[in-house]
Amino acid sequence: MVGTDQRLKLVIGGAVVLLVLITLATFFFISRAKQEIPAENNLDPLASLRTITNPNQTNSQISPTDTTNSKIYSGQGFALKYPQGWGLLTCSNSSHLEFDPNSSTDTTIACDRAVKPVTVLVTPNLNCKGELITLGSYQVLKTKSRDNNGDVDYQWCVSLGNGSALDITHRVSQGGLKATSKIDLSTQVEEIIRTLSN
């Protein structure tokens, strides 16, 4: 009987050691896999934004003389067209700008908050998420959100590929809130983005 008890102890001990080794190996492989495969929410969605090369389109497509039904804005490292009937508000204290669909008057002010329905922030850094779409020669991250009152906020993020980017927002409110429009101008904003060149 002594031999059977000793064998039983050896079998149980061996099984415990084997279970400990299997557990350690499992934890090792799981932790290693987590290090090698980044979580999807840790991925930078802006890393995938790029300029699309189109052999039929050149960066000089927007020229100061091409103003048919549109105006031209040339900023630091980019140019774009916007509707002839819209006004442009440029910021004296930054590179940011805003579009005013209700007036064709251009103005310059010191900016500290949005005052027009379409705002363009010129920035080296973007913090955007959304649907990846293509507008003109750029890939753009687009989001659309609606609050309980039915007000809509749009955001488009565009990396220009030259160390700067555009964070474009449009706000729609039937209640006539400040820095909003009562009509949705997202189609017109996307047409403006299509005309971007750098």
N, C-alpha and C. Protein backbone atom coordinates (compact mmCIF):
# COMPACT_ATOMS: atom_id res chain seq x y z
N MET A 1 0.80 -1.19 0.00
CA MET A 1 0.00 0.00 0.00
C MET A 1 0.84 1.25 0.00
N VAL A 2 2.00 1.13 0.60
CA VAL A 2 2.86 2.29 0.68
C VAL A 2 3.26 2.73 -0.72
N GLY A 3 3.49 1.82 -1.60
CA GLY A 3 3.87 2.15 -2.97
C GLY A 3 2.73 2.84 -3.72
N THR A 4 1.50 2.44 -3.46
CA THR A 4 0.34 3.05 -4.12
C THR A 4 0.14 4.47 -3.64
N ASP A 5 0.28 4.72 -2.35
CA ASP A 5 0.14 6.08 -1.81
C ASP A 5 1.22 7.00 -2.39
N GLN A 6 2.42 6.45 -2.49
CA GLN A 6 3.51 7.25 -3.00
C GLN A 6 3.29 7.58 -4.49
N ARG A 7 2.81 6.63 -5.24
CA ARG A 7 2.51 6.86 -6.65
C ARG A 7 1.39 7.90 -6.81
N LEU A 8 0.37 7.80 -5.97
CA LEU A 8 -0.75 8.72 -6.01
C LEU A 8 -0.26 10.15 -5.71
N LYS A 9 0.61 10.29 -4.73
CA LYS A 9 1.18 11.59 -4.42
C LYS A 9 2.00 12.13 -5.59
N LEU A 10 2.77 11.26 -6.22
CA LEU A 10 3.56 11.69 -7.37
C LEU A 10 2.67 12.10 -8.55
N VAL A 11 1.61 11.37 -8.81
CA VAL A 11 0.68 11.69 -9.90
C VAL A 11 -0.01 13.02 -9.62
N ILE A 12 -0.49 13.22 -8.39
CA ILE A 12 -1.17 14.47 -8.02
C ILE A 12 -0.17 15.64 -8.09
N GLY A 13 1.02 15.44 -7.56
CA GLY A 13 2.05 16.49 -7.62
C GLY A 13 2.40 16.85 -9.06
N GLY A 14 2.56 15.83 -9.88
CA GLY A 14 2.87 16.06 -11.30
C GLY A 14 1.75 16.80 -12.01
N ALA A 15 0.50 16.44 -11.68
CA ALA A 15 -0.65 17.11 -12.29
C ALA A 15 -0.70 18.58 -11.88
N VAL A 16 -0.41 18.87 -10.61
CA VAL A 16 -0.41 20.26 -10.12
C VAL A 16 0.69 21.05 -10.82
N VAL A 17 1.89 20.48 -10.94
CA VAL A 17 2.99 21.16 -11.61
C VAL A 17 2.63 21.40 -13.09
N LEU A 18 2.03 20.42 -13.73
CA LEU A 18 1.63 20.55 -15.12
C LEU A 18 0.59 21.65 -15.29
N LEU A 19 -0.40 21.73 -14.39
CA LEU A 19 -1.42 22.78 -14.45
C LEU A 19 -0.80 24.17 -14.25
N VAL A 20 0.15 24.27 -13.32
CA VAL A 20 0.83 25.55 -13.10
C VAL A 20 1.60 25.97 -14.35
N LEU A 21 2.30 25.03 -14.98
CA LEU A 21 3.05 25.34 -16.19
C LEU A 21 2.12 25.75 -17.34
N ILE A 22 1.01 25.07 -17.49
CA ILE A 22 0.04 25.42 -18.54
C ILE A 22 -0.53 26.82 -18.29
N THR A 23 -0.86 27.12 -17.04
CA THR A 23 -1.40 28.45 -16.69
C THR A 23 -0.38 29.54 -16.98
N LEU A 24 0.87 29.34 -16.58
CA LEU A 24 1.92 30.32 -16.83
C LEU A 24 2.14 30.53 -18.33
N ALA A 25 2.16 29.44 -19.08
CA ALA A 25 2.36 29.53 -20.52
C ALA A 25 1.20 30.28 -21.18
N THR A 26 -0.02 30.03 -20.74
CA THR A 26 -1.18 30.72 -21.29
C THR A 26 -1.09 32.21 -21.04
N PHE A 27 -0.79 32.61 -19.80
CA PHE A 27 -0.65 34.03 -19.48
C PHE A 27 0.48 34.67 -20.28
N PHE A 28 1.57 33.96 -20.46
CA PHE A 28 2.70 34.48 -21.22
C PHE A 28 2.29 34.76 -22.67
N PHE A 29 1.63 33.80 -23.32
CA PHE A 29 1.24 33.97 -24.71
C PHE A 29 0.16 35.04 -24.88
N ILE A 30 -0.78 35.13 -23.94
CA ILE A 30 -1.82 36.16 -24.02
C ILE A 30 -1.21 37.54 -23.87
N SER A 31 -0.32 37.73 -22.89
CA SER A 31 0.29 39.04 -22.70
C SER A 31 1.18 39.41 -23.89
N ARG A 32 1.85 38.46 -24.47
CA ARG A 32 2.70 38.73 -25.64
C ARG A 32 1.85 39.10 -26.84
N ALA A 33 0.71 38.44 -27.02
CA ALA A 33 -0.19 38.74 -28.14
C ALA A 33 -0.76 40.15 -28.00
N LYS A 34 -1.09 40.56 -26.80
CA LYS A 34 -1.62 41.91 -26.58
C LYS A 34 -0.58 42.97 -26.91
N GLN A 35 0.68 42.69 -26.66
CA GLN A 35 1.74 43.65 -26.97
C GLN A 35 1.96 43.77 -28.47
N GLU A 36 1.81 42.68 -29.20
CA GLU A 36 2.09 42.68 -30.62
C GLU A 36 0.93 43.18 -31.46
N ILE A 37 -0.30 43.02 -31.00
CA ILE A 37 -1.47 43.44 -31.76
C ILE A 37 -2.13 44.59 -31.02
N PRO A 38 -2.03 45.84 -31.55
CA PRO A 38 -2.63 46.96 -30.85
C PRO A 38 -4.15 46.87 -30.86
N ALA A 39 -4.75 47.33 -29.79
CA ALA A 39 -6.21 47.36 -29.71
C ALA A 39 -6.73 48.34 -30.75
N GLU A 40 -7.91 48.08 -31.33
CA GLU A 40 -8.44 48.92 -32.39
C GLU A 40 -8.68 50.35 -31.91
N ASN A 41 -9.09 50.52 -30.66
CA ASN A 41 -9.35 51.87 -30.18
C ASN A 41 -8.07 52.64 -29.87
N ASN A 42 -6.92 51.98 -29.92
CA ASN A 42 -5.66 52.67 -29.74
C ASN A 42 -5.04 53.10 -31.06
N LEU A 43 -5.62 52.67 -32.18
CA LEU A 43 -5.09 53.04 -33.47
C LEU A 43 -5.40 54.50 -33.75
N ASP A 44 -4.49 55.20 -34.37
CA ASP A 44 -4.68 56.59 -34.73
C ASP A 44 -5.37 56.64 -36.08
N PRO A 45 -6.67 57.02 -36.13
CA PRO A 45 -7.37 57.01 -37.42
C PRO A 45 -6.78 58.01 -38.40
N LEU A 46 -6.08 59.03 -37.91
CA LEU A 46 -5.50 60.03 -38.80
C LEU A 46 -4.28 59.49 -39.53
N ALA A 47 -3.70 58.41 -38.99
CA ALA A 47 -2.53 57.84 -39.65
C ALA A 47 -2.92 57.31 -41.02
N SER A 48 -4.20 56.99 -41.23
CA SER A 48 -4.63 56.45 -42.51
C SER A 48 -5.04 57.54 -43.49
N LEU A 49 -5.13 58.79 -43.06
CA LEU A 49 -5.49 59.86 -43.98
C LEU A 49 -4.32 60.15 -44.89
N ARG A 50 -4.59 60.25 -46.17
CA ARG A 50 -3.52 60.53 -47.10
C ARG A 50 -4.08 61.29 -48.29
N THR A 51 -3.18 61.91 -49.01
CA THR A 51 -3.54 62.55 -50.26
C THR A 51 -3.54 61.49 -51.34
N ILE A 52 -4.57 61.49 -52.15
CA ILE A 52 -4.69 60.51 -53.22
C ILE A 52 -4.06 61.11 -54.47
N THR A 53 -3.18 60.37 -55.08
CA THR A 53 -2.53 60.85 -56.29
C THR A 53 -3.45 60.62 -57.47
N ASN A 54 -3.78 61.69 -58.17
CA ASN A 54 -4.63 61.62 -59.34
C ASN A 54 -3.86 62.24 -60.50
N PRO A 55 -3.47 61.47 -61.50
CA PRO A 55 -2.65 62.03 -62.57
C PRO A 55 -3.36 63.12 -63.36
N ASN A 56 -4.70 63.19 -63.30
CA ASN A 56 -5.45 64.21 -64.03
C ASN A 56 -5.62 65.49 -63.24
N GLN A 57 -5.15 65.50 -62.00
CA GLN A 57 -5.34 66.67 -61.14
C GLN A 57 -3.98 67.14 -60.66
N THR A 58 -3.77 68.44 -60.72
CA THR A 58 -2.52 68.99 -60.24
C THR A 58 -2.79 69.89 -59.06
N ASN A 59 -1.76 70.16 -58.29
CA ASN A 59 -1.92 71.04 -57.13
C ASN A 59 -2.16 72.48 -57.54
N SER A 60 -1.99 72.80 -58.80
CA SER A 60 -2.20 74.17 -59.23
C SER A 60 -3.57 74.37 -59.86
N GLN A 61 -4.50 73.45 -59.63
CA GLN A 61 -5.82 73.57 -60.23
C GLN A 61 -6.54 74.83 -59.77
N ILE A 62 -6.31 75.27 -58.56
CA ILE A 62 -6.95 76.48 -58.08
C ILE A 62 -6.02 77.64 -58.37
N SER A 63 -6.45 78.49 -59.26
CA SER A 63 -5.63 79.65 -59.57
C SER A 63 -6.42 80.91 -59.26
N PRO A 64 -5.74 82.01 -58.94
CA PRO A 64 -6.43 83.25 -58.61
C PRO A 64 -7.34 83.76 -59.74
N THR A 65 -7.10 83.33 -60.98
CA THR A 65 -7.93 83.81 -62.09
C THR A 65 -9.16 82.94 -62.30
N ASP A 66 -9.22 81.77 -61.68
CA ASP A 66 -10.33 80.84 -61.86
C ASP A 66 -11.38 81.12 -60.77
N THR A 67 -12.23 82.11 -61.01
CA THR A 67 -13.20 82.49 -59.99
C THR A 67 -14.64 82.39 -60.50
N THR A 68 -14.91 81.52 -61.46
CA THR A 68 -16.24 81.35 -61.98
C THR A 68 -17.17 80.86 -60.86
N ASN A 69 -18.12 81.69 -60.47
CA ASN A 69 -19.10 81.38 -59.41
C ASN A 69 -18.47 81.04 -58.07
N SER A 70 -17.23 81.41 -57.90
CA SER A 70 -16.58 81.10 -56.63
C SER A 70 -15.50 82.12 -56.32
N LYS A 71 -15.09 82.13 -55.08
CA LYS A 71 -13.97 82.94 -54.62
C LYS A 71 -12.85 81.98 -54.23
N ILE A 72 -11.64 82.50 -54.15
CA ILE A 72 -10.48 81.70 -53.79
C ILE A 72 -9.94 82.19 -52.45
N TYR A 73 -9.63 81.26 -51.56
CA TYR A 73 -8.91 81.60 -50.34
C TYR A 73 -7.58 80.85 -50.37
N SER A 74 -6.49 81.57 -50.19
CA SER A 74 -5.17 80.96 -50.11
C SER A 74 -4.64 81.13 -48.70
N GLY A 75 -4.45 80.01 -48.00
CA GLY A 75 -3.93 80.02 -46.64
C GLY A 75 -2.50 79.54 -46.64
N GLN A 76 -1.98 79.30 -45.44
CA GLN A 76 -0.61 78.81 -45.31
C GLN A 76 -0.56 77.35 -45.74
N GLY A 77 -0.06 77.10 -46.93
CA GLY A 77 0.12 75.74 -47.41
C GLY A 77 -1.10 75.13 -48.07
N PHE A 78 -2.15 75.90 -48.33
CA PHE A 78 -3.32 75.35 -49.00
C PHE A 78 -4.12 76.47 -49.65
N ALA A 79 -4.99 76.09 -50.58
CA ALA A 79 -5.93 77.00 -51.21
C ALA A 79 -7.23 76.25 -51.42
N LEU A 80 -8.34 76.98 -51.46
CA LEU A 80 -9.64 76.36 -51.69
C LEU A 80 -10.58 77.38 -52.33
N LYS A 81 -11.63 76.85 -52.95
CA LYS A 81 -12.68 77.67 -53.53
C LYS A 81 -13.90 77.60 -52.61
N TYR A 82 -14.63 78.71 -52.56
CA TYR A 82 -15.90 78.72 -51.82
C TYR A 82 -16.90 79.55 -52.61
N PRO A 83 -18.20 79.37 -52.36
CA PRO A 83 -19.23 80.03 -53.18
C PRO A 83 -19.09 81.55 -53.23
N GLN A 84 -19.34 82.12 -54.38
CA GLN A 84 -19.24 83.56 -54.62
C GLN A 84 -20.09 84.36 -53.64
N GLY A 85 -21.25 83.86 -53.28
CA GLY A 85 -22.16 84.59 -52.40
C GLY A 85 -21.84 84.47 -50.92
N TRP A 86 -20.83 83.70 -50.57
CA TRP A 86 -20.48 83.52 -49.16
C TRP A 86 -19.41 84.53 -48.75
N GLY A 87 -19.47 84.97 -47.50
CA GLY A 87 -18.43 85.82 -46.96
C GLY A 87 -17.37 84.99 -46.25
N LEU A 88 -16.22 85.59 -46.09
CA LEU A 88 -15.11 84.93 -45.42
C LEU A 88 -14.72 85.75 -44.20
N LEU A 89 -14.64 85.10 -43.06
CA LEU A 89 -14.16 85.74 -41.85
C LEU A 89 -12.79 85.15 -41.56
N THR A 90 -11.76 85.97 -41.61
CA THR A 90 -10.41 85.49 -41.26
C THR A 90 -10.06 86.00 -39.88
N CYS A 91 -9.27 85.22 -39.18
CA CYS A 91 -8.88 85.55 -37.81
C CYS A 91 -7.55 86.29 -37.82
N SER A 92 -7.51 87.45 -37.17
CA SER A 92 -6.28 88.24 -37.11
C SER A 92 -5.27 87.64 -36.14
N ASN A 93 -5.73 86.80 -35.23
CA ASN A 93 -4.85 86.24 -34.21
C ASN A 93 -4.53 84.75 -34.44
N SER A 94 -4.89 84.22 -35.60
CA SER A 94 -4.59 82.81 -35.91
C SER A 94 -4.75 82.61 -37.41
N SER A 95 -4.52 81.36 -37.85
CA SER A 95 -4.71 81.01 -39.27
C SER A 95 -6.11 80.50 -39.55
N HIS A 96 -6.96 80.49 -38.54
CA HIS A 96 -8.32 79.95 -38.67
C HIS A 96 -9.19 80.88 -39.51
N LEU A 97 -10.26 80.31 -40.06
CA LEU A 97 -11.21 81.10 -40.84
C LEU A 97 -12.60 80.52 -40.71
N GLU A 98 -13.58 81.32 -41.11
CA GLU A 98 -14.98 80.88 -41.08
C GLU A 98 -15.66 81.35 -42.35
N PHE A 99 -16.70 80.61 -42.74
CA PHE A 99 -17.49 80.98 -43.91
C PHE A 99 -18.88 81.42 -43.46
N ASP A 100 -19.37 82.49 -44.11
CA ASP A 100 -20.69 83.04 -43.80
C ASP A 100 -21.57 82.92 -45.04
N PRO A 101 -22.49 81.95 -45.06
CA PRO A 101 -23.35 81.77 -46.23
C PRO A 101 -24.41 82.87 -46.35
N ASN A 102 -24.58 83.70 -45.32
CA ASN A 102 -25.63 84.72 -45.32
C ASN A 102 -25.17 86.09 -45.80
N SER A 103 -23.88 86.26 -46.03
CA SER A 103 -23.35 87.55 -46.46
C SER A 103 -22.11 87.32 -47.30
N SER A 104 -21.97 88.12 -48.35
CA SER A 104 -20.78 87.98 -49.19
C SER A 104 -19.65 88.90 -48.74
N THR A 105 -19.82 89.54 -47.59
CA THR A 105 -18.81 90.46 -47.07
C THR A 105 -17.69 89.70 -46.38
N ASP A 106 -16.45 90.06 -46.71
CA ASP A 106 -15.28 89.47 -46.06
C ASP A 106 -14.85 90.37 -44.91
N THR A 107 -14.51 89.76 -43.76
CA THR A 107 -14.09 90.52 -42.59
C THR A 107 -12.92 89.84 -41.91
N THR A 108 -12.22 90.60 -41.08
CA THR A 108 -11.13 90.06 -40.26
C THR A 108 -11.36 90.52 -38.83
N ILE A 109 -11.33 89.57 -37.89
CA ILE A 109 -11.49 89.89 -36.47
C ILE A 109 -10.53 89.03 -35.65
N ALA A 110 -10.37 89.40 -34.39
CA ALA A 110 -9.65 88.55 -33.45
C ALA A 110 -10.63 87.46 -33.02
N CYS A 111 -10.28 86.21 -33.24
CA CYS A 111 -11.20 85.10 -32.98
C CYS A 111 -10.95 84.48 -31.61
N ASP A 112 -12.03 84.25 -30.88
CA ASP A 112 -11.93 83.51 -29.63
C ASP A 112 -13.00 82.43 -29.53
N ARG A 113 -13.92 82.42 -30.48
CA ARG A 113 -14.96 81.39 -30.55
C ARG A 113 -15.61 81.46 -31.94
N ALA A 114 -16.33 80.40 -32.30
CA ALA A 114 -17.01 80.38 -33.60
C ALA A 114 -18.14 81.39 -33.62
N VAL A 115 -18.25 82.13 -34.74
CA VAL A 115 -19.35 83.08 -34.90
C VAL A 115 -20.14 82.84 -36.18
N LYS A 116 -19.63 82.03 -37.09
CA LYS A 116 -20.30 81.72 -38.35
C LYS A 116 -20.60 80.22 -38.40
N PRO A 117 -21.48 79.77 -39.28
CA PRO A 117 -21.90 78.37 -39.31
C PRO A 117 -20.84 77.36 -39.75
N VAL A 118 -19.81 77.82 -40.48
CA VAL A 118 -18.77 76.91 -40.97
C VAL A 118 -17.42 77.45 -40.49
N THR A 119 -16.71 76.62 -39.73
CA THR A 119 -15.42 77.02 -39.16
C THR A 119 -14.33 76.10 -39.69
N VAL A 120 -13.18 76.70 -40.01
CA VAL A 120 -12.02 75.94 -40.48
C VAL A 120 -10.86 76.25 -39.54
N LEU A 121 -10.45 75.25 -38.77
CA LEU A 121 -9.29 75.40 -37.90
C LEU A 121 -8.08 74.83 -38.62
N VAL A 122 -7.05 75.65 -38.75
CA VAL A 122 -5.79 75.21 -39.38
C VAL A 122 -4.87 74.83 -38.24
N THR A 123 -4.47 73.57 -38.21
CA THR A 123 -3.75 73.04 -37.05
C THR A 123 -2.73 71.99 -37.46
N PRO A 124 -1.66 71.83 -36.68
CA PRO A 124 -0.72 70.74 -36.97
C PRO A 124 -1.22 69.40 -36.42
N ASN A 125 -2.18 69.44 -35.50
CA ASN A 125 -2.66 68.21 -34.85
C ASN A 125 -4.16 68.10 -34.97
N LEU A 126 -4.62 66.89 -35.26
CA LEU A 126 -6.05 66.62 -35.32
C LEU A 126 -6.41 65.57 -34.28
N ASN A 127 -7.61 65.68 -33.76
CA ASN A 127 -8.14 64.68 -32.84
C ASN A 127 -9.52 64.32 -33.35
N CYS A 128 -9.57 63.48 -34.36
CA CYS A 128 -10.82 63.19 -35.04
C CYS A 128 -11.04 61.69 -35.16
N LYS A 129 -12.29 61.34 -35.20
CA LYS A 129 -12.71 59.98 -35.50
C LYS A 129 -13.85 60.10 -36.48
N GLY A 130 -14.20 59.03 -37.15
CA GLY A 130 -15.34 59.10 -38.04
C GLY A 130 -15.21 58.18 -39.22
N GLU A 131 -16.10 58.40 -40.16
CA GLU A 131 -16.15 57.62 -41.39
C GLU A 131 -15.09 58.16 -42.35
N LEU A 132 -14.33 57.27 -42.94
CA LEU A 132 -13.30 57.66 -43.91
C LEU A 132 -13.94 57.78 -45.28
N ILE A 133 -13.91 59.00 -45.85
CA ILE A 133 -14.46 59.25 -47.18
C ILE A 133 -13.40 59.93 -48.03
N THR A 134 -13.61 59.96 -49.33
CA THR A 134 -12.70 60.64 -50.24
C THR A 134 -13.42 61.83 -50.84
N LEU A 135 -12.80 63.01 -50.72
CA LEU A 135 -13.33 64.24 -51.32
C LEU A 135 -12.19 64.86 -52.12
N GLY A 136 -12.37 64.95 -53.43
CA GLY A 136 -11.30 65.46 -54.28
C GLY A 136 -10.10 64.55 -54.19
N SER A 137 -8.94 65.12 -53.87
CA SER A 137 -7.73 64.31 -53.78
C SER A 137 -7.34 64.03 -52.34
N TYR A 138 -8.29 64.11 -51.43
CA TYR A 138 -8.00 63.89 -50.00
C TYR A 138 -8.92 62.85 -49.40
N GLN A 139 -8.33 62.08 -48.48
CA GLN A 139 -9.14 61.23 -47.63
C GLN A 139 -9.50 62.06 -46.42
N VAL A 140 -10.75 61.95 -46.00
CA VAL A 140 -11.30 62.82 -44.97
C VAL A 140 -12.02 61.97 -43.94
N LEU A 141 -11.84 62.30 -42.66
CA LEU A 141 -12.64 61.68 -41.61
C LEU A 141 -13.85 62.56 -41.37
N LYS A 142 -15.05 61.99 -41.47
CA LYS A 142 -16.29 62.76 -41.35
C LYS A 142 -17.14 62.20 -40.23
N THR A 143 -17.69 63.10 -39.40
CA THR A 143 -18.66 62.69 -38.39
C THR A 143 -19.88 63.60 -38.48
N LYS A 144 -21.00 63.03 -38.10
CA LYS A 144 -22.26 63.78 -38.03
C LYS A 144 -22.95 63.36 -36.74
N SER A 145 -23.31 64.35 -35.92
CA SER A 145 -24.01 64.03 -34.68
C SER A 145 -25.25 64.91 -34.55
N ARG A 146 -26.27 64.37 -33.91
CA ARG A 146 -27.54 65.08 -33.73
C ARG A 146 -27.88 65.05 -32.24
N ASP A 147 -28.26 66.20 -31.70
CA ASP A 147 -28.63 66.23 -30.29
C ASP A 147 -30.14 66.05 -30.13
N ASN A 148 -30.63 66.09 -28.90
CA ASN A 148 -32.05 65.85 -28.62
C ASN A 148 -32.97 66.91 -29.23
N ASN A 149 -32.46 68.11 -29.49
CA ASN A 149 -33.26 69.17 -30.11
C ASN A 149 -33.29 69.09 -31.62
N GLY A 150 -32.57 68.14 -32.20
CA GLY A 150 -32.50 68.01 -33.65
C GLY A 150 -31.38 68.82 -34.28
N ASP A 151 -30.59 69.54 -33.46
CA ASP A 151 -29.45 70.28 -33.98
C ASP A 151 -28.39 69.30 -34.46
N VAL A 152 -27.70 69.65 -35.55
CA VAL A 152 -26.74 68.75 -36.17
C VAL A 152 -25.36 69.41 -36.18
N ASP A 153 -24.35 68.63 -35.84
CA ASP A 153 -22.95 69.07 -35.93
C ASP A 153 -22.23 68.14 -36.89
N TYR A 154 -21.51 68.74 -37.84
CA TYR A 154 -20.67 67.99 -38.76
C TYR A 154 -19.21 68.32 -38.46
N GLN A 155 -18.34 67.35 -38.72
CA GLN A 155 -16.91 67.60 -38.62
C GLN A 155 -16.21 66.82 -39.73
N TRP A 156 -15.29 67.51 -40.42
CA TRP A 156 -14.45 66.90 -41.44
C TRP A 156 -13.01 67.18 -41.07
N CYS A 157 -12.17 66.17 -41.07
CA CYS A 157 -10.75 66.34 -40.76
C CYS A 157 -9.92 65.94 -41.97
N VAL A 158 -9.03 66.84 -42.38
CA VAL A 158 -8.24 66.66 -43.58
C VAL A 158 -6.78 66.89 -43.26
N SER A 159 -5.94 65.90 -43.50
CA SER A 159 -4.50 66.07 -43.37
C SER A 159 -3.98 66.55 -44.72
N LEU A 160 -3.29 67.69 -44.73
CA LEU A 160 -2.82 68.26 -45.99
C LEU A 160 -1.52 67.65 -46.46
N GLY A 161 -0.86 66.88 -45.60
CA GLY A 161 0.37 66.22 -46.00
C GLY A 161 1.59 67.12 -45.96
N ASN A 162 1.46 68.33 -45.48
CA ASN A 162 2.59 69.25 -45.43
C ASN A 162 2.85 69.71 -44.00
N GLY A 163 2.43 68.90 -43.04
CA GLY A 163 2.62 69.25 -41.63
C GLY A 163 1.46 70.02 -41.04
N SER A 164 0.44 70.30 -41.85
CA SER A 164 -0.73 70.96 -41.32
C SER A 164 -1.99 70.21 -41.72
N ALA A 165 -3.07 70.55 -41.06
CA ALA A 165 -4.33 69.85 -41.30
C ALA A 165 -5.47 70.84 -41.10
N LEU A 166 -6.65 70.47 -41.58
CA LEU A 166 -7.85 71.28 -41.42
C LEU A 166 -8.88 70.51 -40.63
N ASP A 167 -9.44 71.15 -39.61
CA ASP A 167 -10.55 70.63 -38.82
C ASP A 167 -11.73 71.53 -39.15
N ILE A 168 -12.64 71.03 -39.98
CA ILE A 168 -13.75 71.84 -40.50
C ILE A 168 -15.03 71.40 -39.81
N THR A 169 -15.78 72.36 -39.27
CA THR A 169 -17.04 72.04 -38.61
C THR A 169 -18.17 72.88 -39.20
N HIS A 170 -19.37 72.31 -39.17
CA HIS A 170 -20.59 73.01 -39.62
C HIS A 170 -21.69 72.67 -38.63
N ARG A 171 -22.39 73.70 -38.20
CA ARG A 171 -23.44 73.55 -37.20
C ARG A 171 -24.78 73.98 -37.79
N VAL A 172 -25.81 73.12 -37.60
CA VAL A 172 -27.15 73.39 -38.12
C VAL A 172 -28.12 73.40 -36.94
N SER A 173 -28.93 74.47 -36.84
CA SER A 173 -29.90 74.57 -35.76
C SER A 173 -31.16 75.26 -36.26
N GLN A 174 -32.28 74.58 -36.16
CA GLN A 174 -33.55 75.19 -36.54
C GLN A 174 -33.93 76.31 -35.58
N GLY A 175 -33.37 76.27 -34.36
CA GLY A 175 -33.65 77.29 -33.35
C GLY A 175 -32.87 78.57 -33.55
N GLY A 176 -32.00 78.61 -34.54
CA GLY A 176 -31.26 79.83 -34.82
C GLY A 176 -30.19 80.17 -33.81
N LEU A 177 -29.56 79.16 -33.22
CA LEU A 177 -28.48 79.41 -32.27
C LEU A 177 -27.34 80.15 -32.95
N LYS A 178 -26.52 80.85 -32.15
CA LYS A 178 -25.37 81.56 -32.71
C LYS A 178 -24.41 80.57 -33.36
N ALA A 179 -23.72 81.03 -34.39
CA ALA A 179 -22.72 80.25 -35.13
C ALA A 179 -23.32 79.01 -35.76
N THR A 180 -24.61 79.09 -36.16
CA THR A 180 -25.27 77.98 -36.85
C THR A 180 -26.02 78.51 -38.07
N SER A 181 -26.46 77.60 -38.91
CA SER A 181 -27.37 77.97 -39.99
C SER A 181 -28.64 77.14 -39.82
N LYS A 182 -29.73 77.65 -40.36
CA LYS A 182 -31.00 76.90 -40.27
C LYS A 182 -31.08 75.83 -41.34
N ILE A 183 -30.26 75.96 -42.38
CA ILE A 183 -30.26 74.94 -43.43
C ILE A 183 -28.94 74.18 -43.40
N ASP A 184 -29.02 72.94 -43.81
CA ASP A 184 -27.85 72.06 -43.83
C ASP A 184 -27.00 72.39 -45.05
N LEU A 185 -25.77 72.83 -44.80
CA LEU A 185 -24.85 73.20 -45.86
C LEU A 185 -23.73 72.17 -46.04
N SER A 186 -23.93 70.97 -45.54
CA SER A 186 -22.86 69.97 -45.59
C SER A 186 -22.44 69.63 -47.02
N THR A 187 -23.38 69.64 -47.97
CA THR A 187 -23.03 69.36 -49.36
C THR A 187 -22.11 70.45 -49.90
N GLN A 188 -22.40 71.71 -49.59
CA GLN A 188 -21.55 72.81 -50.03
C GLN A 188 -20.17 72.75 -49.37
N VAL A 189 -20.14 72.38 -48.09
CA VAL A 189 -18.85 72.26 -47.39
C VAL A 189 -18.02 71.16 -48.03
N GLU A 190 -18.63 70.06 -48.39
CA GLU A 190 -17.89 68.97 -49.04
C GLU A 190 -17.39 69.39 -50.43
N GLU A 191 -18.15 70.25 -51.12
CA GLU A 191 -17.66 70.79 -52.40
C GLU A 191 -16.44 71.67 -52.17
N ILE A 192 -16.43 72.45 -51.09
CA ILE A 192 -15.26 73.28 -50.76
C ILE A 192 -14.06 72.37 -50.51
N ILE A 193 -14.26 71.30 -49.75
CA ILE A 193 -13.15 70.38 -49.44
C ILE A 193 -12.61 69.74 -50.72
N ARG A 194 -13.51 69.43 -51.67
CA ARG A 194 -13.08 68.84 -52.95
C ARG A 194 -12.12 69.75 -53.71
N THR A 195 -12.23 71.07 -53.50
CA THR A 195 -11.38 72.00 -54.24
C THR A 195 -10.03 72.24 -53.59
N LEU A 196 -9.78 71.64 -52.44
CA LEU A 196 -8.52 71.86 -51.72
C LEU A 196 -7.30 71.52 -52.57
N SER A 197 -6.31 72.35 -52.46
CA SER A 197 -5.02 72.04 -53.06
C SER A 197 -3.93 72.56 -52.12
N ASN A 198 -2.75 72.00 -52.24
CA ASN A 198 -1.63 72.49 -51.42
C ASN A 198 -0.38 72.63 -52.24
